[in-house]
Amino acid sequence: MKPYAWRVWHASAASALTLSSGLCLVVNEALDSSAHAPGCNVIPLLPATGILIAQPTGAFGVLIRQVANFWRRGDMKLFVQWKDPYRLISLALLLTLCGLGFGCVTNRATVMPQPQVMDTGWTARAVGLQELEELTDGDLNLSPQACLEILARLNLKSRFYIQEDIKRQKVLKVPNNFHAYVTWTPLPRRIARITSEPKFILVAKDIPFLGWYEKGRLAGDSYVCIGKKPEWTRAGLYRVKEKVIDQVSSSYRNASGDPALMPYAMRIYGQVWIHGGDITGGYCSHGCINLPLDAAEDLFKWAAPGTMVLVIDSLENLDQALAKHPEFLALSRSAT
C-alpha cells in the first residue's frame, strides 16, 4: 500500500503542537529525535509514527515564538507518512482529543494569568499579638516574628519597642497586607550611575533608611536612626575610614554612666560612625547612624575600608546628589 500523507501543521521540518499542560508534541519528518524544537528534552512517545514528547527546559517562550513564525510564513513542507491508514486515524484522534482537552490544535488565544496586585498601603491603628498570630496561622510565608520585623521597618523602631507598643495598644503604621511588605523597601533596587562601583552605601535622611549596593544593585537595607537635629548628621559623600567591631563612645555615656557601646562601628567623618544601636525612632542619635544589631553586623562584615558612603537629605534628590560629586561622574564615564 502506498504511504498516506496527512498535513498536520503549517510548520517546517521540526514543529511543535503546544499543550497547556506544559508539554508539546513534536512531529519530525526524518523521525530523528536530535532535530527537535530548541529548548526541549525529547522523549519518544510513539516512535513508529515519529511522534515525540518534548519537555520545555527554560526556553519555552522561544519555542512558542518560533512556532508562531513558522505559522505566519505559511511553510507547508511537513508531511508525516504511514504504511497504513490506521496510524493516520490514530494520530487524527489523538490530535482531536488534544484539541478538545488542551486547545493544542485550535486557534484559541492563550489567556495569561494576571499578576496579583499587592496593597502596599498602611493604616494608623493599634494591633494585637493575637491578631498577628491569627494572621500567620498556617501561613508558611509569614510568621509573627516576620510581622514584627515588618512593623519595625515601617515604624522605624527596634522590634523590642514595637512589642512594647503592641502591649500598650499604641497606634502604629500597620500594613493593609503584610504579604506586600515581606520584600518591601523604600530604597531604589538599582542605581544606574554606580554600576561600576563594587560596594556603595546610601543613607537617606528623610526616610530614614540605609542600603548597601553591589555594582548598583541593592544587596541589603535597614531602617536607621540618625541625628535628632538635621545638622547633626551631615549630608555628603564620605568613605569608610576605619572599622572597629567593639568601639565605645568617647563623647557619650549610657544610662549606667559607662561609655556608650558602639558595636560593629565604621567611621565615615569626624566622630560620626555607622554602628549598631538602640533605635527608638528615626531621629534619636547624637549624629551617628544607628542600625539594629543584626543589620549592623551584616553591614560591618560586608563593607570594606574605603567603601563610598553617600548621605543625602532627600531620596528625591538622589540623582542631583550623585551628579554633584565628580567621583560619580568619573564612574559614569568609565561605565559607558
Foldseek 3Di string as FASTA:
>chain_A
DDKDKDQDAQAPQWAWQDFPVQKIKIAGQVLDLVPYQPQWDWACDPSLQSIIITHGNPCVVVRVVRNVVSRVVRRRPDITIDPDCVVVVVVVVVVVVRCVPGVRPHPDDDDDDDDDDDQFAWDWFADALVNQCVVCVVPPLDHSVLQLQLQCQQFVAPSVVVVVCNVVGHTGTHGPDSVVRSVDDPADQFDQLQLVPQWAKEAALVNGKIFMDGSGGTPDIFQKAFALDAPLADFDKWWFADWDQWDFDPPDDDPVRHTHTFGGWTDTDDRAIEGADGTGGRHDDSGHIHGHHVVSVVVSVVDDGGHMYGYDHHSVCVVVRLVVDVVSVVSNVVVD
